[in-house]
Each structure stands twice: as structure tokens, then as C-alpha cells.
Amino acid sequence: MADSTRQAGSVAVIGSGGIGGYLAGALERVGRDVTLCVRTPFDRLVITDASGEREVPVRVVADPAKVGPIDWVLVTTKAQDTASAEPWFRTLVGPTTRVVVIQNGVGQAERARPHLPAEVAVLPAIIYCSVERTAPGRITHHGATRMSVPAGGDGAAFAALFAGTPFEITQEADFVTVAWRKLLSNAVVNPITALTLRRIVVFNDPAIQDLARGLMDEVIRVANAEGARLTGEDATRVLDSYRRISGDGGSSMLYDRLAGRPLEHAHLTGAVVAAAERHGIAVPLNRAILALAGAASGQGLAGDR
């Protein structure tokens, strides 16, 4: 895109997984000046979605020393990798930079805060976007383009940043409920798909539906003890949404399991179990899932063989 069409608002995206790559592509397409900050460099960012395949001309940088302060920093690493962004923070973050932590789980801003100057604005964000990194620099979008942020000035500015992209940005007065509602889904779809090595069509199995309902019943009790406002209707909507998904849709944890990468279980199911312990709530199903996911994390499909 020609420089004359560029809009104000430079953006650095930390993390080149499915979410990071897709967000970089969406912002570049509406004229944002985007830098993709990666651990291992690659030559081309290629995104495939319903409109076809396109190469995205973003700047790909693997050395934090080669970047300077920027307007927006979007953190899209897995939750357990948040600390790995600190070298990027040291060069990208200036006095007026806004940092947005787009991750699963709860406590997104709290994970990043110890690695940032106290005066820097940190905004948590919840994303609904099914994407898969099929190879370095190659992203396939399977569906959904929504994000939620807390209501306020920073949230409004974030929504303006994404104006014209496919993303719908909602500003939420009750972000605690929004975050736990997403965790209600993640604590089910991620480990079940990863442990069964099946995509979301696994939820057509009645036995899996029963397991999912049991897991979510536990999550709802914990979430409400944490100050969220969830009900059984939220669980029903989650299950209904799974049954409507067809094709190749999976989960980020499934893709990590297939690649033999560490899983995000400690910040999904682990967050449920930790909160349950704080409130003295029994969550036997989630504890079992946590043990199984922990045993599978970082293992190839051959396991110990």
C-alpha cells in the first residue's frame, strides 16, 4: 500500500503465531504501519481466508535492537511466554505507547505489568478468532473476528485503531465477566481437542458434550466466586456454538499439541483450578484435565516412545 494512504498509528505485533499474523494482516490492509516482532525470522507473511490467499507486506523483525518506540504494542504470545516479550518492551515502549495484551485466560494485563514501566497504559483484550499457523509465516483463518476490551479511553482508541478491518471491537463495562466467559469456552474446547487430537467436530459426540457440560458447571461456580456473572445459559451457548462449527476449525492448543509445542493449560484449566483453591470449590473434572494436559504438554505424538 502506498505511503500516501497510510493512517496515523504505528503498530508492533509481538508474536508470529496465528493470532499475531492475522492481526498484522488485518491492520496492514487498512493502512496501518505494522511491524511483526518474531523469534525466528521468515521471508513472507501469507494469509489464507474466505477471500483467498494474499501476501502481506509487513516488516518482519527478529532483533529488538532494530526497532524503536511505537504507538501500539500488541502482545499475542501464549500466556506462558509473556515474559519473553520483555526485550521487545525495552525498545518498543515509550511514554505514550499503549500496550494491549491479547491472550487467553484471565489476568492478561497483570501478566505483562511487571515487565513494563509503571506509567505505561496496559489494556487486556479477549479475542474470538479461529486461525491456524500452518508453517512459519503462513496463516489460515477459519472463522470469527471479534475482540473485547474494557470500556474507557484506551478501549475507544483501540476500537478506532481497528476501524475498517474485519474485527468487531466491543468495549465492556464488566470485563471480568467477559474474560471468564471466554475462559469458560477455552477451558473446554482447548484441552478436549488437544487431548483427543480431534477438531471441534468432536463436540458432536454426546459423551464429549456431557464432559464439556460438567467442566463448564465447575468453571461457572469458580467464575462467579471471582466476581463474574455467568449462568448455565452461557454453557448452553458455548456448546451450541461448537455444534454449529463445521469443517477444519480446531483450537490453538490442538495446533500446539500437533506440533509438539508446550500447551497453555496452566493459564486456562490451571487458572480455574487455582481460583477454585482460593475459594474452596471442588473442581475434580478440571483437575483431571489439568493433569492430562500437563502430561501431554511439549510432547510429540509418539510420547515417550
Protein backbone atom coordinates (compact mmCIF):
# COMPACT_ATOMS: atom_id res chain seq x y z
CA MET A 1 0.00 0.00 0.00
CA ALA A 2 1.39 3.42 -0.91
CA ASP A 3 2.69 5.65 1.88
CA SER A 4 0.19 8.38 0.94
CA THR A 5 -2.64 6.13 2.10
CA ARG A 6 -1.08 5.28 5.45
CA GLN A 7 -3.07 6.27 8.52
CA ALA A 8 -1.59 7.51 11.78
CA GLY A 9 -0.90 4.81 14.35
CA SER A 10 2.21 2.64 14.18
CA VAL A 11 1.76 -0.88 15.49
CA ALA A 12 4.13 -3.62 16.61
CA VAL A 13 2.73 -7.13 16.99
CA ILE A 14 4.79 -9.35 19.28
CA GLY A 15 4.31 -12.99 18.32
CA SER A 16 4.08 -14.56 14.88
CA GLY A 17 1.56 -17.30 15.64
CA GLY A 18 -1.87 -17.49 14.08
CA ILE A 19 -3.38 -14.59 16.03
CA GLY A 20 -0.37 -12.29 15.68
CA GLY A 21 -0.02 -12.88 11.98
CA TYR A 22 -3.71 -12.44 11.28
CA LEU A 23 -3.94 -9.21 13.29
CA ALA A 24 -0.87 -7.85 11.49
CA GLY A 25 -2.51 -8.62 8.16
CA ALA A 26 -5.83 -7.03 9.13
CA LEU A 27 -4.15 -3.81 10.27
CA GLU A 28 -1.82 -3.59 7.28
CA ARG A 29 -4.77 -3.90 4.93
CA VAL A 30 -6.33 -0.68 6.28
CA GLY A 31 -3.08 1.25 6.05
CA ARG A 32 -1.52 0.84 9.47
CA ASP A 33 2.26 0.83 9.68
CA VAL A 34 2.83 -2.67 11.09
CA THR A 35 5.96 -4.38 12.38
CA LEU A 36 5.77 -8.08 13.21
CA CYS A 37 8.20 -8.98 16.02
CA VAL A 38 9.26 -12.62 15.82
CA ARG A 39 11.62 -15.07 17.49
CA THR A 40 12.69 -16.72 14.22
CA PRO A 41 12.55 -14.65 11.03
CA PHE A 42 10.77 -15.74 7.86
CA ASP A 43 10.61 -14.22 4.39
CA ARG A 44 6.89 -13.85 3.69
CA LEU A 45 3.65 -13.49 5.65
CA VAL A 46 0.87 -15.20 3.70
CA ILE A 47 -2.74 -15.25 4.92
CA THR A 48 -5.47 -17.50 3.56
CA ASP A 49 -9.10 -16.71 4.37
CA ALA A 50 -12.51 -16.76 2.70
CA SER A 51 -11.34 -14.21 0.10
CA GLY A 52 -8.36 -16.31 -0.95
CA GLU A 53 -4.62 -16.12 -0.37
CA ARG A 54 -2.58 -12.93 -0.15
CA GLU A 55 0.92 -11.92 0.81
CA VAL A 56 1.06 -9.23 3.49
CA PRO A 57 3.87 -6.66 3.11
CA VAL A 58 4.61 -6.14 6.79
CA ARG A 59 8.06 -5.58 8.23
CA VAL A 60 9.29 -8.74 9.98
CA VAL A 61 11.96 -8.15 12.66
CA ALA A 62 13.73 -10.67 14.89
CA ASP A 63 16.11 -8.29 16.70
CA PRO A 64 14.65 -5.91 19.33
CA ALA A 65 17.61 -3.58 18.75
CA LYS A 66 16.27 -2.80 15.28
CA VAL A 67 13.04 -1.18 16.46
CA GLY A 68 12.19 1.97 18.38
CA PRO A 69 9.23 3.40 20.33
CA ILE A 70 5.89 2.89 18.65
CA ASP A 71 2.26 3.92 19.24
CA TRP A 72 0.71 0.50 19.86
CA VAL A 73 2.24 -2.78 21.01
CA LEU A 74 0.00 -5.85 20.65
CA VAL A 75 1.19 -8.83 22.69
CA THR A 76 -0.06 -12.06 21.10
CA THR A 77 2.34 -14.57 22.62
CA LYS A 78 0.92 -17.53 24.51
CA ALA A 79 0.23 -16.61 28.12
CA GLN A 80 3.16 -18.64 29.41
CA ASP A 81 5.52 -16.74 27.09
CA THR A 82 4.62 -13.22 28.24
CA ALA A 83 7.98 -12.65 29.94
CA SER A 84 9.74 -13.41 26.65
CA ALA A 85 8.37 -10.11 25.30
CA GLU A 86 10.43 -8.05 27.76
CA PRO A 87 13.36 -7.38 25.35
CA TRP A 88 10.85 -6.02 22.84
CA PHE A 89 9.20 -3.87 25.50
CA ARG A 90 12.52 -2.21 26.29
CA THR A 91 12.84 -0.83 22.75
CA LEU A 92 9.23 -0.56 21.53
CA VAL A 93 7.60 1.07 24.55
CA GLY A 94 7.85 4.83 25.03
CA PRO A 95 5.97 7.25 27.31
CA THR A 96 2.90 7.40 25.02
CA THR A 97 2.84 3.76 23.91
CA ARG A 98 -0.29 1.72 24.61
CA VAL A 99 0.27 -2.00 25.24
CA VAL A 100 -2.59 -4.41 24.52
CA VAL A 101 -2.30 -7.98 25.81
CA ILE A 102 -4.36 -10.25 23.56
CA GLN A 103 -4.24 -13.65 25.22
CA ASN A 104 -6.39 -16.46 26.52
CA GLY A 105 -7.14 -16.87 30.20
CA VAL A 106 -7.66 -14.12 32.76
CA GLY A 107 -5.30 -11.51 34.21
CA GLN A 108 -3.77 -10.55 30.85
CA ALA A 109 -2.68 -7.07 31.95
CA GLU A 110 -1.34 -8.38 35.25
CA ARG A 111 0.96 -10.83 33.42
CA ALA A 112 2.55 -8.04 31.37
CA ARG A 113 2.66 -5.31 34.03
CA PRO A 114 5.85 -6.49 35.85
CA HIS A 115 7.78 -6.20 32.58
CA LEU A 116 6.68 -2.64 31.76
CA PRO A 117 7.23 0.87 33.15
CA ALA A 118 4.59 1.78 35.72
CA GLU A 119 3.26 4.72 33.70
CA VAL A 120 2.57 2.76 30.52
CA ALA A 121 -1.08 2.02 29.70
CA VAL A 122 -1.79 -1.72 29.57
CA LEU A 123 -5.09 -2.93 28.12
CA PRO A 124 -6.30 -6.55 28.36
CA ALA A 125 -8.14 -7.93 25.34
CA ILE A 126 -10.21 -11.04 24.69
CA ILE A 127 -10.24 -12.35 21.13
CA TYR A 128 -12.56 -14.69 19.26
CA CYS A 129 -10.72 -15.65 16.09
CA SER A 130 -10.06 -19.17 14.81
CA VAL A 131 -6.73 -19.14 13.00
CA GLU A 132 -4.03 -21.72 12.38
CA ARG A 133 -0.36 -21.22 11.63
CA THR A 134 0.33 -23.98 9.12
CA ALA A 135 4.01 -23.07 8.65
CA PRO A 136 6.25 -20.12 9.60
CA GLY A 137 4.67 -17.05 8.05
CA ARG A 138 1.62 -18.92 6.74
CA ILE A 139 -1.74 -18.30 8.45
CA THR A 140 -5.15 -19.83 7.71
CA HIS A 141 -8.27 -18.11 9.07
CA HIS A 142 -11.12 -20.49 9.90
CA GLY A 143 -13.66 -18.04 11.32
CA ALA A 144 -14.67 -15.26 13.76
CA THR A 145 -13.21 -11.76 14.08
CA ARG A 146 -14.19 -10.27 17.43
CA MET A 147 -12.32 -8.67 20.31
CA SER A 148 -13.43 -7.20 23.63
CA VAL A 149 -11.61 -4.64 25.78
CA PRO A 150 -12.54 -2.72 28.93
CA ALA A 151 -14.62 0.39 28.32
CA GLY A 152 -12.79 3.70 28.53
CA GLY A 153 -10.47 5.97 26.62
CA ASP A 154 -7.89 3.31 25.80
CA GLY A 155 -10.61 0.90 24.71
CA ALA A 156 -12.13 3.52 22.42
CA ALA A 157 -8.72 4.27 20.89
CA PHE A 158 -8.16 0.56 20.32
CA ALA A 159 -11.51 0.28 18.53
CA ALA A 160 -10.51 3.24 16.34
CA LEU A 161 -7.21 1.52 15.53
CA PHE A 162 -9.13 -1.41 14.02
CA ALA A 163 -11.66 0.71 12.13
CA GLY A 164 -12.14 -0.70 8.65
CA THR A 165 -10.75 -4.15 9.49
CA PRO A 166 -12.96 -7.26 9.71
CA PHE A 167 -12.73 -7.06 13.51
CA GLU A 168 -15.66 -6.01 15.66
CA ILE A 169 -14.31 -4.41 18.84
CA THR A 170 -16.66 -4.21 21.82
CA GLN A 171 -15.95 -2.08 24.89
CA GLU A 172 -17.12 -3.80 28.05
CA ALA A 173 -18.03 -2.23 31.39
CA ASP A 174 -17.93 -5.70 33.02
CA PHE A 175 -14.71 -7.07 31.59
CA VAL A 176 -14.37 -9.65 34.39
CA THR A 177 -17.48 -11.44 33.15
CA VAL A 178 -16.32 -11.20 29.53
CA ALA A 179 -12.91 -12.70 30.36
CA TRP A 180 -14.39 -15.58 32.36
CA ARG A 181 -16.99 -16.23 29.66
CA LYS A 182 -14.16 -16.73 27.15
CA LEU A 183 -12.30 -18.90 29.67
CA LEU A 184 -15.50 -20.93 30.06
CA SER A 185 -15.10 -21.83 26.38
CA ASN A 186 -11.30 -22.14 26.34
CA ALA A 187 -11.21 -24.46 29.36
CA VAL A 188 -13.32 -26.91 27.37
CA VAL A 189 -12.52 -26.62 23.67
CA ASN A 190 -8.74 -26.30 24.04
CA PRO A 191 -7.95 -29.31 26.24
CA ILE A 192 -10.60 -31.60 24.76
CA THR A 193 -9.43 -31.04 21.20
CA ALA A 194 -5.77 -31.28 22.22
CA LEU A 195 -6.21 -34.46 24.26
CA THR A 196 -8.42 -36.24 21.70
CA LEU A 197 -6.36 -34.91 18.75
CA ARG A 198 -9.64 -34.02 17.04
CA ARG A 199 -11.02 -30.74 15.76
CA ILE A 200 -14.19 -29.11 17.07
CA VAL A 201 -16.43 -31.69 15.39
CA VAL A 202 -15.54 -33.88 18.40
CA PHE A 203 -18.30 -31.98 20.22
CA ASN A 204 -20.90 -33.81 18.14
CA ASP A 205 -20.19 -36.83 20.37
CA PRO A 206 -22.81 -36.98 23.17
CA ALA A 207 -20.26 -38.26 25.70
CA ILE A 208 -17.99 -35.29 24.95
CA GLN A 209 -20.96 -32.95 25.31
CA ASP A 210 -21.62 -34.38 28.78
CA LEU A 211 -17.97 -33.97 29.77
CA ALA A 212 -17.95 -30.41 28.47
CA ARG A 213 -21.08 -29.57 30.44
CA GLY A 214 -19.54 -30.96 33.62
CA LEU A 215 -16.34 -28.97 33.12
CA MET A 216 -18.29 -25.79 32.48
CA ASP A 217 -20.51 -26.26 35.51
CA GLU A 218 -17.34 -26.22 37.62
CA VAL A 219 -15.94 -23.19 35.78
CA ILE A 220 -19.17 -21.23 36.30
CA ARG A 221 -19.06 -21.76 40.07
CA VAL A 222 -15.46 -20.58 40.18
CA ALA A 223 -16.04 -17.64 37.83
CA ASN A 224 -18.92 -16.32 39.92
CA ALA A 225 -16.81 -16.61 43.08
CA GLU A 226 -14.24 -14.43 41.25
CA GLY A 227 -16.85 -11.74 40.59
CA ALA A 228 -18.10 -12.74 37.15
CA ARG A 229 -21.77 -13.21 36.33
CA LEU A 230 -22.18 -16.46 34.42
CA THR A 231 -25.10 -18.90 34.28
CA GLY A 232 -25.91 -22.26 32.75
CA GLU A 233 -27.20 -20.39 29.70
CA ASP A 234 -23.62 -19.36 28.96
CA ALA A 235 -22.60 -23.02 28.90
CA THR A 236 -25.50 -23.87 26.59
CA ARG A 237 -24.48 -21.12 24.17
CA VAL A 238 -20.90 -22.41 24.14
CA LEU A 239 -22.00 -25.97 23.33
CA ASP A 240 -24.42 -24.76 20.68
CA SER A 241 -21.65 -22.73 19.04
CA TYR A 242 -19.40 -25.79 18.87
CA ARG A 243 -22.09 -27.85 17.19
CA ARG A 244 -22.57 -25.15 14.55
CA ILE A 245 -18.91 -25.23 13.55
CA SER A 246 -18.11 -27.41 10.57
CA GLY A 247 -15.00 -28.03 8.50
CA ASP A 248 -11.47 -27.76 9.83
CA GLY A 249 -11.91 -25.47 12.85
CA GLY A 250 -9.75 -26.50 15.78
CA SER A 251 -8.13 -24.77 18.75
CA SER A 252 -4.77 -23.19 19.47
CA MET A 253 -3.98 -25.92 21.98
CA LEU A 254 -4.72 -28.62 19.41
CA TYR A 255 -2.35 -26.97 16.94
CA ASP A 256 0.33 -26.75 19.63
CA ARG A 257 -0.15 -30.42 20.56
CA LEU A 258 0.15 -31.50 16.93
CA ALA A 259 3.40 -29.54 16.66
CA GLY A 260 4.79 -30.90 19.93
CA ARG A 261 4.87 -27.43 21.49
CA PRO A 262 4.18 -26.62 25.17
CA LEU A 263 0.49 -26.23 25.91
CA GLU A 264 -1.26 -23.25 27.50
CA HIS A 265 -3.03 -25.44 30.09
CA ALA A 266 -1.58 -23.68 33.15
CA HIS A 267 -3.28 -20.41 32.15
CA LEU A 268 -6.60 -21.98 31.11
CA THR A 269 -7.58 -25.01 33.20
CA GLY A 270 -4.82 -24.08 35.64
CA ALA A 271 -6.40 -20.66 36.19
CA VAL A 272 -9.72 -22.36 37.02
CA VAL A 273 -8.10 -24.77 39.48
CA ALA A 274 -6.06 -22.02 41.16
CA ALA A 275 -9.14 -19.83 41.63
CA ALA A 276 -11.10 -22.83 42.91
CA GLU A 277 -8.44 -23.39 45.56
CA ARG A 278 -8.69 -19.75 46.66
CA HIS A 279 -12.43 -20.17 47.21
CA GLY A 280 -12.52 -23.75 48.47
CA ILE A 281 -14.52 -25.02 45.48
CA ALA A 282 -14.23 -28.64 44.33
CA VAL A 283 -13.38 -28.98 40.62
CA PRO A 284 -12.47 -32.67 40.12
CA LEU A 285 -13.08 -32.70 36.35
CA ASN A 286 -10.89 -29.67 35.74
CA ARG A 287 -8.19 -31.13 37.99
CA ALA A 288 -8.19 -34.32 35.91
CA ILE A 289 -7.97 -32.34 32.66
CA LEU A 290 -5.12 -30.27 34.10
CA ALA A 291 -3.14 -33.41 34.95
CA LEU A 292 -3.67 -34.89 31.49
CA ALA A 293 -2.81 -31.67 29.65
CA GLY A 294 0.31 -31.27 31.77
CA ALA A 295 1.45 -34.76 30.84
CA ALA A 296 0.85 -34.07 27.11
CA SER A 297 2.43 -30.58 27.06
CA GLY A 298 5.52 -30.34 24.90
CA GLN A 299 5.38 -34.00 23.92
CA GLY A 300 5.42 -35.21 20.34
CA LEU A 301 2.65 -37.54 19.25
CA ALA A 302 4.93 -40.51 19.90
CA GLY A 303 5.08 -39.54 23.59
CA ASP A 304 7.93 -41.26 25.48
CA ARG A 305 8.49 -43.85 22.77
